[in-house]
Structure formats: structure tokens, C-alpha cells
Amino acid sequence: MINREYLAMLGNKSVIRELSEYATARGKEIGYDNVFDFSLGNPSVPAPESYRDNAIRLLQEEEPLKLHGYNPTQGDPRVKEKVAASLNARFGMSYTGNLIFPTSGAAGAIAHAIRCVTEPGEEVIVFAPYFSEYDQYVGGAGAKIRVVPMKADDFQINFEAAEGFFNEKTAAVLINTPNNPSGAVYTEETLSRLAGLMAQKSEQLGHTIFLISDEPYREIVFDGKKQPYPAKFYPHTLTCYSFSKSLSVPGERIGYVAVSPDCEQADKMVPMMGQISRGTGHNCPSSLPMLAAAFCLEDTSDLSVYETNMNLLYDTFKELGFTVPRPGGTFYIMPKALEEDAVAFCKKALKYDLVFVPGDGFKAPGFFRVAYCVDTEKVERSLAAIRRFVETEYPNR
């Protein structure tokens, strides 16, 4: 008999993917330029030349067997040392290469981190709104996800509600900042308060609660600000990163886990992840893209387009009467729908070839996500469609 759990999942497709597929099909009918597809968080700017140049150089200069052979289970030492040095220089940390575990993107990083610090039946706390794939990452490790309701005015952590979610089964807290889907950037105040709460609960419960920090949007922050580094606030932190957004290379699937030097049993974490990778068939990311990324760790694509797009959409939504917290980063904005049912709202938007994602899957009912990682010219053209949609469907807003 085939696996019934995964068979059942076939009937529970990702809403984001379904909408993206709809947009593609609609594009074949009317031309994709005429479909304002805000469904999928796929970077829309090219990778920096340094990434391409390093990939070409490696192909031309590196010994083929060394470049294309199997990596060590715990990752290429050259990459690990470079990542550690970069994090230390940028954030004032003291990582060493043996605390870095290369992975297949941030998804692979989170999956390894969860398995490393939880046992089946334990619980992982997340804060709504959150990336819906967390359900699979946590459940796949045999753990249970506990969702703290959102703080809708600014999408920071709802501490009043969070207090009651900690119990003897709590093994970890999983955060994502800058946040998908809301665009919120957790402030120093938020991170300090979270660290204090976790330290207090760890002491009360008699075991360490680990922080897993998902940070693929770390470089996409607006208004000249920077994302405070969560591992600076809490010692027992596993930082999960991907180069998908900073270098615009999501298809390369390159990321890492960085285990804080002050984390409990830090020296055991990466060897444990090596064993986890053996058991899950992960077996290290691809050599060439991993090495190419390691030679341009301080570089990014031209990420300024996302702030331009955000401002265009934010101003328009505000003008049209939406309640919408202003994003601090990422390439997502999350307004409150103009009716209680965000699914119905998004279905109405399809009539105007506007593809939005209802917030229900992110545990944000009544809100909808707009992924504005598209050409600015297309965002500008979408504004008229948004106005027409709102003025036609919600004249008495």
C-alpha cells in the first residue's frame, strides 16, 4: 500500500501554487503581461555579476573532480569558513566553520534545525502570520506546531497571547524576520522581549527552548534600516538562511544553518545535522552554486526595486481606504480585505486579472498577500486595475 499521509496531501495543494498556475493559464489566453500575478514570491531581479563571474571562473579554473565530486556530509570546509567569517564581520559574532551546515536553501535549513532540537511529540511555537510550509517542516519532524494569533496592527509578536503557549512540551520557537507574508521586520525591542520571555520560560520549565530564526529576506529591508540579528539577542539560536533572495538564485537551492557559538551543545549540532541529512536523503547541496555563492557573500542583487514597488502599492492601498501595515522589508505586503472573507475578496479580484493570495493559509484570515517581486512597470500598470476593482466591487467602502 502506498503512503496514505502523502496520498491525502494530494488533495491539499498549495493555494499559492494553484493561483500561480491559474495566472499562467490566464496568461496564455490574454498575454501574461496583462495578468497582474502577485501570487508567487519568485525574485524578479537578476543575480549580481559577481555570482555569474565566480561560477564561470570556477568552471574554468577549478579541478573538475574537486568541483563536481561529492561534498563532505557536514559541508565543504571552504564554504563553511567563508560563511562564518562573513557573519562575524557583519554581526559581531564568533562563529567558526564547524558551526555552519550548508543546506538546500532555507527550507532544508529549517527542516534540519527542527529535527536537531525537537523529538516526536514536542512542540514548536510560531507567530501568525507565518509561511504555511512550516506546517510540513514541523510535522515532518514528528513535532506539533502551535500558532500564536497575530497582532494585526503591525504584525509584530503578540506577546500577550504568546505567554500561554509555552509548556513542558515546548522545544523551540520558530520566527521569520523579515516576515513572509506580512513584510514585518522584528525590531530590537521585539527581539529583546522574545529573548527575555524564552529565557524565563526555559528556566521555569527546566529545559532550554531553542530559537530557530528563518532569515532569507535579511537583506531586503527598507528606509535605510537593517534587520537586527536575532542570534545577538538569544544564545540558543539556530539561524537558517538562503541565498535565494539576496542573490536572486532560488533555483540553485543554496543556504545554511548557523549554530550560535553560545548555543547549548553547539559543538554537537552540525554533526547531528550530518546524520539527519543521511537519514532524509539530503546529502549536501550542489558544489558549484555553493562555491560561487561563497565568493560573493557580501554582494546582493539590485534589491531597491522591491522598495519602489512596495511604496507604489502601499500608497495606492492607503488611498483606496485599505487597512495595511507598511512593510519594513521583503517583497510582500498584506492589506486587510474589504470584506470579512478574504477568499471571496481574492476571487472577485480575479475578474480584473489581479492575482492575490488570501491570508487564511498564513493564519491571517481577513487579510491577503501581495507578492510584488515583479517589474515596476507592471506594478504601475496594475494600479489602475486595483482602482477599478475596488471602485466597482466595493463602491461603499
Foldseek 3Di string as FASTA:
>chain_A
DDDPVVVVCVVVDDPLVVLVVVLVVVCVVVNSLQFAAQRDQAFQFAFDVLLVVLLVCCVVPPDVCVQFPAAPLQGNLLLLQLVQVVCCVVAVARFHSLQKGKFQALLRLLLLVLLLFAAAAAEEEEEPLADLCVCVSQVVSNYYYDYFYADPQARQGPVVRVLPPDDLRAREYEYEAVGPPALAAHDPVSLLVVQVSQVVSCVVNVHHYAYEYEYAFQPFFDPPDGRRDSCVRHVQYWYKYGLCAFRVCSVQRIIIIGGGPSHVPSSVSSVSSSVVCVVVVRRHGRRSSSVSCSVPVVHGTPSVQLVVLQVLVVVLCVVLPWSWHRRRGDNKTKTFAPDQAQVVSQVLLVVLSHHWAASVSSVPGRIIMGRRSHGSVSSVVCSVSVVVSCCVVPVPD
